[in-house]
Amino acid sequence: MPLPGAEHDLRTPLTTILLGSRILRRVGKARQDAELQEVASAVEADAERLRDVVEDVLIATRSSGEPLALNPEPLLLERMVSHAVEHERKRRPQVGFALRMAGREAAVLGDETCLEHVLRDLVATAASQAMPGSTIDVAVESGRLTIAAEARASEPATGMDQREPDDSQQWRLDVCGDLVDAMGGRLSLAADVGSQRISLELPLAAGD
């Protein structure tokens, strides 16, 4: 069930922690203090991860027992995917991204807040499971997104929808699936030997 006041109470301290860690990282860089930079970067990374989990919790509680209140509108999937990829590039420099846009740019029908959240979680999930030094292939064409990553050697690919590195990621993917369903789209997760694939398809806006 929805938690009155929870969004403000959870988001405000996280915002303070994120801003503080970024300021400390810049101070460490200016002072050439490697230890301060390292600690500040670790705090920032954990705060960002916690912020993503908090957003999942808020969405899950908001939708518990009742349909999500969505505001569908035409959205440019290519641009939103690009933003999600750039965000993750900064967080995981050890993983590369190859972004491909096929055909003309088309508008999909969806809720901007929900879609932004889904794309960020999907790209982050793929990056967290990819082999360090590998390149994740991200392709967008006519309202369809495909993310393909080389699986970690220590984690045999047995189906992303059946086995995840940890329960929190599987739970976040479940939330993404619920949001995509609510937007009239389809999310599928699969794996072959040595590779993992995420596919997202959303309805095209009228005229596209």
C-alpha atoms as a PDB file:
ATOM      1  CA  MET A   1       0.000   0.000   0.000  1.00  0.00           C
ATOM      2  CA  PRO A   2       1.176   3.611  -0.581  1.00  0.00           C
ATOM      3  CA  LEU A   3       3.184   5.143   2.269  1.00  0.00           C
ATOM      4  CA  PRO A   4       2.211   8.801   2.915  1.00  0.00           C
ATOM      5  CA  GLY A   5       5.275  11.030   3.132  1.00  0.00           C
ATOM      6  CA  ALA A   6       7.633   8.161   2.326  1.00  0.00           C
ATOM      7  CA  GLU A   7       8.850   9.629  -0.975  1.00  0.00           C
ATOM      8  CA  HIS A   8      10.068  12.845   0.659  1.00  0.00           C
ATOM      9  CA  ASP A   9      11.512  11.127   3.741  1.00  0.00           C
ATOM     10  CA  LEU A  10      13.451   8.596   1.654  1.00  0.00           C
ATOM     11  CA  ARG A  11      14.589  10.808  -1.210  1.00  0.00           C
ATOM     12  CA  THR A  12      15.727  13.874   0.747  1.00  0.00           C
ATOM     13  CA  PRO A  13      18.550  12.247   2.772  1.00  0.00           C
ATOM     14  CA  LEU A  14      19.721  10.321  -0.291  1.00  0.00           C
ATOM     15  CA  THR A  15      19.966  13.550  -2.271  1.00  0.00           C
ATOM     16  CA  THR A  16      22.017  15.103   0.532  1.00  0.00           C
ATOM     17  CA  ILE A  17      24.370  12.099   0.615  1.00  0.00           C
ATOM     18  CA  LEU A  18      24.819  12.142  -3.169  1.00  0.00           C
ATOM     19  CA  LEU A  19      25.537  15.868  -3.323  1.00  0.00           C
ATOM     20  CA  GLY A  20      27.899  15.651  -0.340  1.00  0.00           C
ATOM     21  CA  SER A  21      29.850  12.738  -1.829  1.00  0.00           C
ATOM     22  CA  ARG A  22      30.232  14.548  -5.173  1.00  0.00           C
ATOM     23  CA  ILE A  23      31.510  17.684  -3.416  1.00  0.00           C
ATOM     24  CA  LEU A  24      34.001  15.610  -1.408  1.00  0.00           C
ATOM     25  CA  ARG A  25      35.182  13.856  -4.584  1.00  0.00           C
ATOM     26  CA  ARG A  26      35.839  17.227  -6.246  1.00  0.00           C
ATOM     27  CA  VAL A  27      37.655  18.458  -3.131  1.00  0.00           C
ATOM     28  CA  GLY A  28      39.790  15.312  -3.141  1.00  0.00           C
ATOM     29  CA  LYS A  29      40.625  15.841  -6.802  1.00  0.00           C
ATOM     30  CA  ALA A  30      41.563  19.491  -6.214  1.00  0.00           C
ATOM     31  CA  ARG A  31      43.796  18.496  -3.295  1.00  0.00           C
ATOM     32  CA  GLN A  32      45.157  15.479  -5.161  1.00  0.00           C
ATOM     33  CA  ASP A  33      43.989  13.332  -2.261  1.00  0.00           C
ATOM     34  CA  ALA A  34      43.518   9.883  -3.798  1.00  0.00           C
ATOM     35  CA  GLU A  35      42.160   8.344  -0.593  1.00  0.00           C
ATOM     36  CA  LEU A  36      39.444  11.006  -0.222  1.00  0.00           C
ATOM     37  CA  GLN A  37      38.476  10.592  -3.882  1.00  0.00           C
ATOM     38  CA  GLU A  38      38.215   6.830  -3.474  1.00  0.00           C
ATOM     39  CA  VAL A  39      36.066   7.025  -0.337  1.00  0.00           C
ATOM     40  CA  ALA A  40      33.798   9.720  -1.828  1.00  0.00           C
ATOM     41  CA  SER A  41      33.364   7.718  -5.044  1.00  0.00           C
ATOM     42  CA  ALA A  42      32.433   4.591  -3.063  1.00  0.00           C
ATOM     43  CA  VAL A  43      29.837   6.525  -1.042  1.00  0.00           C
ATOM     44  CA  GLU A  44      28.418   8.053  -4.226  1.00  0.00           C
ATOM     45  CA  ALA A  45      28.161   4.672  -5.970  1.00  0.00           C
ATOM     46  CA  ASP A  46      26.382   3.065  -3.009  1.00  0.00           C
ATOM     47  CA  ALA A  47      24.044   6.062  -2.651  1.00  0.00           C
ATOM     48  CA  GLU A  48      23.113   5.840  -6.337  1.00  0.00           C
ATOM     49  CA  ARG A  49      22.445   2.125  -6.006  1.00  0.00           C
ATOM     50  CA  LEU A  50      20.308   2.737  -2.912  1.00  0.00           C
ATOM     51  CA  ARG A  51      18.432   5.515  -4.717  1.00  0.00           C
ATOM     52  CA  ASP A  52      17.541   3.093  -7.530  1.00  0.00           C
ATOM     53  CA  VAL A  53      16.303   0.513  -5.022  1.00  0.00           C
ATOM     54  CA  VAL A  54      14.263   3.165  -3.179  1.00  0.00           C
ATOM     55  CA  GLU A  55      12.589   4.173  -6.457  1.00  0.00           C
ATOM     56  CA  ASP A  56      11.673   0.523  -7.054  1.00  0.00           C
ATOM     57  CA  VAL A  57      10.224   0.251  -3.539  1.00  0.00           C
ATOM     58  CA  LEU A  58       8.167   3.435  -3.968  1.00  0.00           C
ATOM     59  CA  ILE A  59       6.793   2.282  -7.306  1.00  0.00           C
ATOM     60  CA  ALA A  60       5.981  -1.169  -5.929  1.00  0.00           C
ATOM     61  CA  THR A  61       4.145   0.248  -2.885  1.00  0.00           C
ATOM     62  CA  ARG A  62       2.338   2.801  -5.037  1.00  0.00           C
ATOM     63  CA  SER A  63       1.008   0.073  -7.334  1.00  0.00           C
ATOM     64  CA  SER A  64       0.241  -2.501  -4.618  1.00  0.00           C
ATOM     65  CA  GLY A  65      -3.367  -3.606  -4.818  1.00  0.00           C
ATOM     66  CA  GLU A  66      -4.416  -1.024  -7.394  1.00  0.00           C
ATOM     67  CA  PRO A  67      -3.619  -0.092 -11.027  1.00  0.00           C
ATOM     68  CA  LEU A  68      -0.754   2.315 -11.594  1.00  0.00           C
ATOM     69  CA  ALA A  69      -1.843   5.855 -12.423  1.00  0.00           C
ATOM     70  CA  LEU A  70       0.049   6.458 -15.658  1.00  0.00           C
ATOM     71  CA  ASN A  71       0.278   9.470 -17.922  1.00  0.00           C
ATOM     72  CA  PRO A  72       0.877   7.995 -21.409  1.00  0.00           C
ATOM     73  CA  GLU A  73       2.343  10.356 -23.986  1.00  0.00           C
ATOM     74  CA  PRO A  74       4.518  10.137 -27.123  1.00  0.00           C
ATOM     75  CA  LEU A  75       8.152   9.631 -26.102  1.00  0.00           C
ATOM     76  CA  LEU A  76      11.340   9.367 -28.150  1.00  0.00           C
ATOM     77  CA  LEU A  77      12.757   6.007 -27.121  1.00  0.00           C
ATOM     78  CA  GLU A  78      16.121   6.579 -28.809  1.00  0.00           C
ATOM     79  CA  ARG A  79      16.861   9.688 -26.761  1.00  0.00           C
ATOM     80  CA  MET A  80      15.763   8.131 -23.485  1.00  0.00           C
ATOM     81  CA  VAL A  81      17.889   5.032 -24.132  1.00  0.00           C
ATOM     82  CA  SER A  82      20.890   7.260 -24.928  1.00  0.00           C
ATOM     83  CA  HIS A  83      20.494   9.057 -21.595  1.00  0.00           C
ATOM     84  CA  ALA A  84      20.271   5.741 -19.705  1.00  0.00           C
ATOM     85  CA  VAL A  85      23.409   4.427 -21.426  1.00  0.00           C
ATOM     86  CA  GLU A  86      25.393   7.615 -20.742  1.00  0.00           C
ATOM     87  CA  HIS A  87      24.381   7.450 -17.076  1.00  0.00           C
ATOM     88  CA  GLU A  88      25.620   3.871 -16.771  1.00  0.00           C
ATOM     89  CA  ARG A  89      28.846   4.568 -18.694  1.00  0.00           C
ATOM     90  CA  LYS A  90      29.891   6.926 -15.921  1.00  0.00           C
ATOM     91  CA  ARG A  91      29.051   4.371 -13.228  1.00  0.00           C
ATOM     92  CA  ARG A  92      30.756   1.382 -14.867  1.00  0.00           C
ATOM     93  CA  PRO A  93      33.760   2.476 -16.951  1.00  0.00           C
ATOM     94  CA  GLN A  94      34.981  -1.145 -16.957  1.00  0.00           C
ATOM     95  CA  VAL A  95      32.166  -2.070 -19.364  1.00  0.00           C
ATOM     96  CA  GLY A  96      31.766  -0.680 -22.890  1.00  0.00           C
ATOM     97  CA  PHE A  97      28.521   0.187 -24.689  1.00  0.00           C
ATOM     98  CA  ALA A  98      27.820   0.044 -28.427  1.00  0.00           C
ATOM     99  CA  LEU A  99      24.655   2.042 -29.102  1.00  0.00           C
ATOM    100  CA  ARG A 100      22.958   1.476 -32.471  1.00  0.00           C
ATOM    101  CA  MET A 101      19.904   3.294 -33.799  1.00  0.00           C
ATOM    102  CA  ALA A 102      18.256   1.663 -36.821  1.00  0.00           C
ATOM    103  CA  GLY A 103      15.761   3.380 -39.088  1.00  0.00           C
ATOM    104  CA  ARG A 104      14.077   6.709 -38.396  1.00  0.00           C
ATOM    105  CA  GLU A 105      13.404   7.979 -34.898  1.00  0.00           C
ATOM    106  CA  ALA A 106       9.904   6.900 -33.837  1.00  0.00           C
ATOM    107  CA  ALA A 107       7.788   7.918 -30.845  1.00  0.00           C
ATOM    108  CA  VAL A 108       6.457   5.281 -28.453  1.00  0.00           C
ATOM    109  CA  LEU A 109       3.502   5.632 -26.127  1.00  0.00           C
ATOM    110  CA  GLY A 110       4.407   5.476 -22.444  1.00  0.00           C
ATOM    111  CA  ASP A 111       4.696   7.207 -19.101  1.00  0.00           C
ATOM    112  CA  GLU A 112       7.907   9.257 -19.050  1.00  0.00           C
ATOM    113  CA  THR A 113       8.746   8.692 -15.374  1.00  0.00           C
ATOM    114  CA  CYS A 114       8.080   4.950 -15.550  1.00  0.00           C
ATOM    115  CA  LEU A 115       9.942   4.470 -18.835  1.00  0.00           C
ATOM    116  CA  GLU A 116      12.953   6.431 -17.598  1.00  0.00           C
ATOM    117  CA  HIS A 117      13.046   4.227 -14.515  1.00  0.00           C
ATOM    118  CA  VAL A 118      12.715   0.999 -16.541  1.00  0.00           C
ATOM    119  CA  LEU A 119      15.474   1.919 -18.997  1.00  0.00           C
ATOM    120  CA  ARG A 120      17.886   2.872 -16.227  1.00  0.00           C
ATOM    121  CA  ASP A 121      17.255  -0.411 -14.396  1.00  0.00           C
ATOM    122  CA  LEU A 122      17.558  -2.570 -17.538  1.00  0.00           C
ATOM    123  CA  VAL A 123      20.823  -0.985 -18.669  1.00  0.00           C
ATOM    124  CA  ALA A 124      22.224  -1.211 -15.121  1.00  0.00           C
ATOM    125  CA  THR A 125      21.221  -4.880 -14.841  1.00  0.00           C
ATOM    126  CA  ALA A 126      22.956  -5.746 -18.110  1.00  0.00           C
ATOM    127  CA  ALA A 127      26.091  -3.850 -17.079  1.00  0.00           C
ATOM    128  CA  SER A 128      26.240  -5.525 -13.667  1.00  0.00           C
ATOM    129  CA  GLN A 129      26.172  -8.982 -15.283  1.00  0.00           C
ATOM    130  CA  ALA A 130      28.522  -8.280 -18.189  1.00  0.00           C
ATOM    131  CA  MET A 131      32.112  -9.491 -18.378  1.00  0.00           C
ATOM    132  CA  PRO A 132      34.564  -6.730 -17.349  1.00  0.00           C
ATOM    133  CA  GLY A 133      36.172  -5.367 -20.495  1.00  0.00           C
ATOM    134  CA  SER A 134      33.334  -6.569 -22.711  1.00  0.00           C
ATOM    135  CA  THR A 135      30.996  -4.405 -24.785  1.00  0.00           C
ATOM    136  CA  ILE A 136      27.228  -4.379 -24.343  1.00  0.00           C
ATOM    137  CA  ASP A 137      25.284  -4.073 -27.584  1.00  0.00           C
ATOM    138  CA  VAL A 138      22.296  -1.718 -27.263  1.00  0.00           C
ATOM    139  CA  ALA A 139      20.018  -1.498 -30.301  1.00  0.00           C
ATOM    140  CA  VAL A 140      16.845   0.546 -30.844  1.00  0.00           C
ATOM    141  CA  GLU A 141      14.512   0.143 -33.810  1.00  0.00           C
ATOM    142  CA  SER A 142      10.833   1.077 -34.255  1.00  0.00           C
ATOM    143  CA  GLY A 143       9.838   1.044 -30.598  1.00  0.00           C
ATOM    144  CA  ARG A 144      11.928  -2.004 -29.740  1.00  0.00           C
ATOM    145  CA  LEU A 145      15.023  -2.065 -27.519  1.00  0.00           C
ATOM    146  CA  THR A 146      17.460  -4.966 -27.389  1.00  0.00           C
ATOM    147  CA  ILE A 147      20.348  -5.184 -24.923  1.00  0.00           C
ATOM    148  CA  ALA A 148      22.855  -8.013 -25.422  1.00  0.00           C
ATOM    149  CA  ALA A 149      25.762  -8.641 -23.076  1.00  0.00           C
ATOM    150  CA  GLU A 150      28.494 -11.250 -22.709  1.00  0.00           C
ATOM    151  CA  ALA A 151      27.763 -13.236 -19.540  1.00  0.00           C
ATOM    152  CA  ARG A 152      30.296 -13.470 -16.729  1.00  0.00           C
ATOM    153  CA  ALA A 153      32.337 -16.632 -17.010  1.00  0.00           C
ATOM    154  CA  SER A 154      31.574 -17.504 -13.384  1.00  0.00           C
ATOM    155  CA  GLU A 155      27.827 -17.243 -13.995  1.00  0.00           C
ATOM    156  CA  PRO A 156      26.683 -19.760 -16.628  1.00  0.00           C
ATOM    157  CA  ALA A 157      23.773 -18.412 -18.661  1.00  0.00           C
ATOM    158  CA  THR A 158      20.703 -20.390 -17.649  1.00  0.00           C
ATOM    159  CA  GLY A 159      18.027 -17.813 -18.420  1.00  0.00           C
ATOM    160  CA  MET A 160      17.875 -14.344 -16.902  1.00  0.00           C
ATOM    161  CA  ASP A 161      14.246 -14.891 -16.057  1.00  0.00           C
ATOM    162  CA  GLN A 162      15.212 -17.963 -14.042  1.00  0.00           C
ATOM    163  CA  ARG A 163      18.529 -17.074 -12.409  1.00  0.00           C
ATOM    164  CA  GLU A 164      19.886 -13.708 -11.319  1.00  0.00           C
ATOM    165  CA  PRO A 165      23.119 -12.808  -9.485  1.00  0.00           C
ATOM    166  CA  ASP A 166      21.083 -11.732  -6.452  1.00  0.00           C
ATOM    167  CA  ASP A 167      17.475 -11.467  -5.332  1.00  0.00           C
ATOM    168  CA  SER A 168      17.451  -7.658  -5.452  1.00  0.00           C
ATOM    169  CA  GLN A 169      18.138  -7.608  -9.181  1.00  0.00           C
ATOM    170  CA  GLN A 170      15.430 -10.150  -9.874  1.00  0.00           C
ATOM    171  CA  TRP A 171      12.990  -8.114  -7.800  1.00  0.00           C
ATOM    172  CA  ARG A 172      13.893  -4.945  -9.706  1.00  0.00           C
ATOM    173  CA  LEU A 173      13.372  -6.746 -12.999  1.00  0.00           C
ATOM    174  CA  ASP A 174       9.959  -7.894 -11.777  1.00  0.00           C
ATOM    175  CA  VAL A 175       9.050  -4.264 -11.056  1.00  0.00           C
ATOM    176  CA  CYS A 176      10.235  -3.309 -14.552  1.00  0.00           C
ATOM    177  CA  GLY A 177       8.043  -6.038 -16.016  1.00  0.00           C
ATOM    178  CA  ASP A 178       4.995  -4.720 -14.153  1.00  0.00           C
ATOM    179  CA  LEU A 179       5.659  -1.176 -15.384  1.00  0.00           C
ATOM    180  CA  VAL A 180       6.125  -2.297 -18.988  1.00  0.00           C
ATOM    181  CA  ASP A 181       2.906  -4.330 -18.827  1.00  0.00           C
ATOM    182  CA  ALA A 182       1.060  -1.268 -17.465  1.00  0.00           C
ATOM    183  CA  MET A 183       2.322   0.750 -20.457  1.00  0.00           C
ATOM    184  CA  GLY A 184       1.017  -1.875 -22.864  1.00  0.00           C
ATOM    185  CA  GLY A 185       4.462  -3.170 -23.763  1.00  0.00           C
ATOM    186  CA  ARG A 186       6.345  -6.439 -23.474  1.00  0.00           C
ATOM    187  CA  LEU A 187       9.586  -7.246 -21.636  1.00  0.00           C
ATOM    188  CA  SER A 188      11.467 -10.497 -22.159  1.00  0.00           C
ATOM    189  CA  LEU A 189      14.718 -11.755 -20.662  1.00  0.00           C
ATOM    190  CA  ALA A 190      16.653 -14.721 -21.982  1.00  0.00           C
ATOM    191  CA  ALA A 191      20.134 -16.181 -22.127  1.00  0.00           C
ATOM    192  CA  ASP A 192      22.159 -18.400 -24.395  1.00  0.00           C
ATOM    193  CA  VAL A 193      25.526 -19.940 -23.632  1.00  0.00           C
ATOM    194  CA  GLY A 194      27.866 -17.054 -22.857  1.00  0.00           C
ATOM    195  CA  SER A 195      25.405 -14.263 -23.580  1.00  0.00           C
ATOM    196  CA  GLN A 196      22.365 -12.573 -22.084  1.00  0.00           C
ATOM    197  CA  ARG A 197      19.630 -10.613 -23.829  1.00  0.00           C
ATOM    198  CA  ILE A 198      16.966  -8.147 -22.699  1.00  0.00           C
ATOM    199  CA  SER A 199      14.199  -7.176 -25.124  1.00  0.00           C
ATOM    200  CA  LEU A 200      11.702  -4.359 -24.594  1.00  0.00           C
ATOM    201  CA  GLU A 201       8.902  -3.512 -26.988  1.00  0.00           C
ATOM    202  CA  LEU A 202       6.463  -0.602 -26.556  1.00  0.00           C
ATOM    203  CA  PRO A 203       3.458   0.457 -28.618  1.00  0.00           C
ATOM    204  CA  LEU A 204       4.165   3.160 -31.192  1.00  0.00           C
ATOM    205  CA  ALA A 205       2.409   6.498 -30.809  1.00  0.00           C
ATOM    206  CA  ALA A 206      -0.256   7.367 -33.356  1.00  0.00           C
ATOM    207  CA  GLY A 207       1.346   8.400 -36.632  1.00  0.00           C
ATOM    208  CA  ASP A 208       4.465   6.302 -36.011  1.00  0.00           C
END
